[in-house]
């Protein structure tokens, strides 16, 4: 998926304290790269379809990834595309 084109702009990117505790800056960049290219990670089919619709109609985009340590991180881009947040599920 790294070779796939960027499908949307993430706006300002922020990471929560929890995300920064469990992932390296390099890991966070890789997740963001996957997210903006449409690799939604470990989400159900309904969420995949919702993301595809969100790209057409301007809704929130949601991805979920499990990093090497086994921790789960979410990446959420607001409907406005002004901000993307990387966070742990517990911080939502």
C-alpha atoms as a PDB file:
ATOM      1  CA  UNK A   1       0.000   0.000   0.000  1.00  0.00           C
ATOM      2  CA  UNK A   2       3.011   2.310   0.412  1.00  0.00           C
ATOM      3  CA  UNK A   3       3.043   2.759  -3.380  1.00  0.00           C
ATOM      4  CA  UNK A   4      -0.626   3.725  -3.457  1.00  0.00           C
ATOM      5  CA  UNK A   5      -1.438   7.388  -4.052  1.00  0.00           C
ATOM      6  CA  UNK A   6      -2.403   9.671  -1.205  1.00  0.00           C
ATOM      7  CA  UNK A   7      -6.212   9.755  -1.162  1.00  0.00           C
ATOM      8  CA  UNK A   8      -6.768  12.747   1.139  1.00  0.00           C
ATOM      9  CA  UNK A   9      -4.862  15.371   3.085  1.00  0.00           C
ATOM     10  CA  UNK A  10      -4.787  14.795   6.855  1.00  0.00           C
ATOM     11  CA  UNK A  11      -4.600  18.425   7.938  1.00  0.00           C
ATOM     12  CA  UNK A  12      -2.745  19.042  11.194  1.00  0.00           C
ATOM     13  CA  UNK A  13      -1.534  15.759  12.662  1.00  0.00           C
ATOM     14  CA  UNK A  14      -1.439  15.247  16.419  1.00  0.00           C
ATOM     15  CA  UNK A  15      -0.664  12.250  18.591  1.00  0.00           C
ATOM     16  CA  UNK A  16      -1.913  11.767  22.120  1.00  0.00           C
ATOM     17  CA  UNK A  17       0.347  11.034  25.077  1.00  0.00           C
ATOM     18  CA  UNK A  18      -0.812   7.422  25.044  1.00  0.00           C
ATOM     19  CA  UNK A  19       0.069   7.001  21.375  1.00  0.00           C
ATOM     20  CA  UNK A  20       3.478   8.541  21.925  1.00  0.00           C
ATOM     21  CA  UNK A  21       4.095   6.202  24.870  1.00  0.00           C
ATOM     22  CA  UNK A  22       3.475   3.018  22.863  1.00  0.00           C
ATOM     23  CA  UNK A  23       4.823   3.961  19.414  1.00  0.00           C
ATOM     24  CA  UNK A  24       7.987   5.494  18.064  1.00  0.00           C
ATOM     25  CA  UNK A  25       7.820   8.596  15.861  1.00  0.00           C
ATOM     26  CA  UNK A  26       8.745   6.353  12.919  1.00  0.00           C
ATOM     27  CA  UNK A  27       5.841   3.993  13.669  1.00  0.00           C
ATOM     28  CA  UNK A  28       3.446   6.934  13.929  1.00  0.00           C
ATOM     29  CA  UNK A  29       4.581   8.235  10.520  1.00  0.00           C
ATOM     30  CA  UNK A  30       4.095   4.793   8.964  1.00  0.00           C
ATOM     31  CA  UNK A  31       0.555   4.550  10.338  1.00  0.00           C
ATOM     32  CA  UNK A  32      -0.292   7.998   9.036  1.00  0.00           C
ATOM     33  CA  UNK A  33       1.091   7.059   5.630  1.00  0.00           C
ATOM     34  CA  UNK A  34      -1.072   3.933   5.525  1.00  0.00           C
ATOM     35  CA  UNK A  35      -4.127   5.921   6.659  1.00  0.00           C
ATOM     36  CA  UNK A  36      -3.932   8.633   3.984  1.00  0.00           C
ATOM     37  CA  UNK A  37      -3.374   6.004   1.276  1.00  0.00           C
ATOM     38  CA  UNK A  38      -6.551   4.097   2.182  1.00  0.00           C
ATOM     39  CA  UNK A  39      -5.054   1.163   4.096  1.00  0.00           C
ATOM     40  CA  UNK A  40      -7.550   1.197   6.950  1.00  0.00           C
ATOM     41  CA  UNK A  41      -5.765  -1.532   8.900  1.00  0.00           C
ATOM     42  CA  UNK A  42      -7.745  -3.770  11.225  1.00  0.00           C
ATOM     43  CA  UNK A  43     -11.284  -2.465  10.769  1.00  0.00           C
ATOM     44  CA  UNK A  44     -14.422  -4.406   9.903  1.00  0.00           C
ATOM     45  CA  UNK A  45     -15.937  -4.353   6.439  1.00  0.00           C
ATOM     46  CA  UNK A  46     -18.620  -1.855   7.516  1.00  0.00           C
ATOM     47  CA  UNK A  47     -15.919   0.592   8.655  1.00  0.00           C
ATOM     48  CA  UNK A  48     -13.999   0.085   5.396  1.00  0.00           C
ATOM     49  CA  UNK A  49     -17.128   0.912   3.424  1.00  0.00           C
ATOM     50  CA  UNK A  50     -17.856   3.901   5.676  1.00  0.00           C
ATOM     51  CA  UNK A  51     -14.331   5.215   5.027  1.00  0.00           C
ATOM     52  CA  UNK A  52     -14.777   4.890   1.271  1.00  0.00           C
ATOM     53  CA  UNK A  53     -18.057   6.799   1.521  1.00  0.00           C
ATOM     54  CA  UNK A  54     -16.379   9.378   3.786  1.00  0.00           C
ATOM     55  CA  UNK A  55     -13.838  10.111   1.069  1.00  0.00           C
ATOM     56  CA  UNK A  56     -16.668  10.829  -1.364  1.00  0.00           C
ATOM     57  CA  UNK A  57     -18.936  12.783   0.978  1.00  0.00           C
ATOM     58  CA  UNK A  58     -16.630  14.427   3.506  1.00  0.00           C
ATOM     59  CA  UNK A  59     -17.214  12.418   6.669  1.00  0.00           C
ATOM     60  CA  UNK A  60     -14.802  11.250   9.358  1.00  0.00           C
ATOM     61  CA  UNK A  61     -12.163   8.669   8.344  1.00  0.00           C
ATOM     62  CA  UNK A  62     -11.171   5.961  10.857  1.00  0.00           C
ATOM     63  CA  UNK A  63      -8.315   3.440  10.811  1.00  0.00           C
ATOM     64  CA  UNK A  64      -7.122   0.933  13.386  1.00  0.00           C
ATOM     65  CA  UNK A  65      -3.687  -0.665  13.510  1.00  0.00           C
ATOM     66  CA  UNK A  66      -1.837  -3.085  15.744  1.00  0.00           C
ATOM     67  CA  UNK A  67       1.838  -2.169  16.014  1.00  0.00           C
ATOM     68  CA  UNK A  68       4.756  -4.546  16.623  1.00  0.00           C
ATOM     69  CA  UNK A  69       4.384  -4.355  20.415  1.00  0.00           C
ATOM     70  CA  UNK A  70       0.794  -5.639  20.129  1.00  0.00           C
ATOM     71  CA  UNK A  71      -0.687  -2.266  21.078  1.00  0.00           C
ATOM     72  CA  UNK A  72      -3.670  -0.991  19.099  1.00  0.00           C
ATOM     73  CA  UNK A  73      -3.690   2.569  17.760  1.00  0.00           C
ATOM     74  CA  UNK A  74      -6.477   4.443  16.061  1.00  0.00           C
ATOM     75  CA  UNK A  75      -6.030   7.153  13.440  1.00  0.00           C
ATOM     76  CA  UNK A  76      -9.007   9.474  12.995  1.00  0.00           C
ATOM     77  CA  UNK A  77      -9.305  12.278  10.468  1.00  0.00           C
ATOM     78  CA  UNK A  78     -12.066  14.776  11.139  1.00  0.00           C
ATOM     79  CA  UNK A  79     -14.753  15.318   8.519  1.00  0.00           C
ATOM     80  CA  UNK A  80     -13.364  18.791   7.852  1.00  0.00           C
ATOM     81  CA  UNK A  81      -9.937  17.237   7.037  1.00  0.00           C
ATOM     82  CA  UNK A  82      -8.406  19.929   9.265  1.00  0.00           C
ATOM     83  CA  UNK A  83      -6.997  17.495  11.835  1.00  0.00           C
ATOM     84  CA  UNK A  84      -5.916  13.880  12.186  1.00  0.00           C
ATOM     85  CA  UNK A  85      -5.355  12.346  15.599  1.00  0.00           C
ATOM     86  CA  UNK A  86      -3.391   9.207  16.471  1.00  0.00           C
ATOM     87  CA  UNK A  87      -4.572   7.759  19.791  1.00  0.00           C
ATOM     88  CA  UNK A  88      -5.075   4.619  21.806  1.00  0.00           C
ATOM     89  CA  UNK A  89      -8.642   3.268  21.981  1.00  0.00           C
ATOM     90  CA  UNK A  90      -8.727   4.037  25.698  1.00  0.00           C
ATOM     91  CA  UNK A  91      -8.176   7.731  24.993  1.00  0.00           C
ATOM     92  CA  UNK A  92     -11.221   8.072  22.745  1.00  0.00           C
END
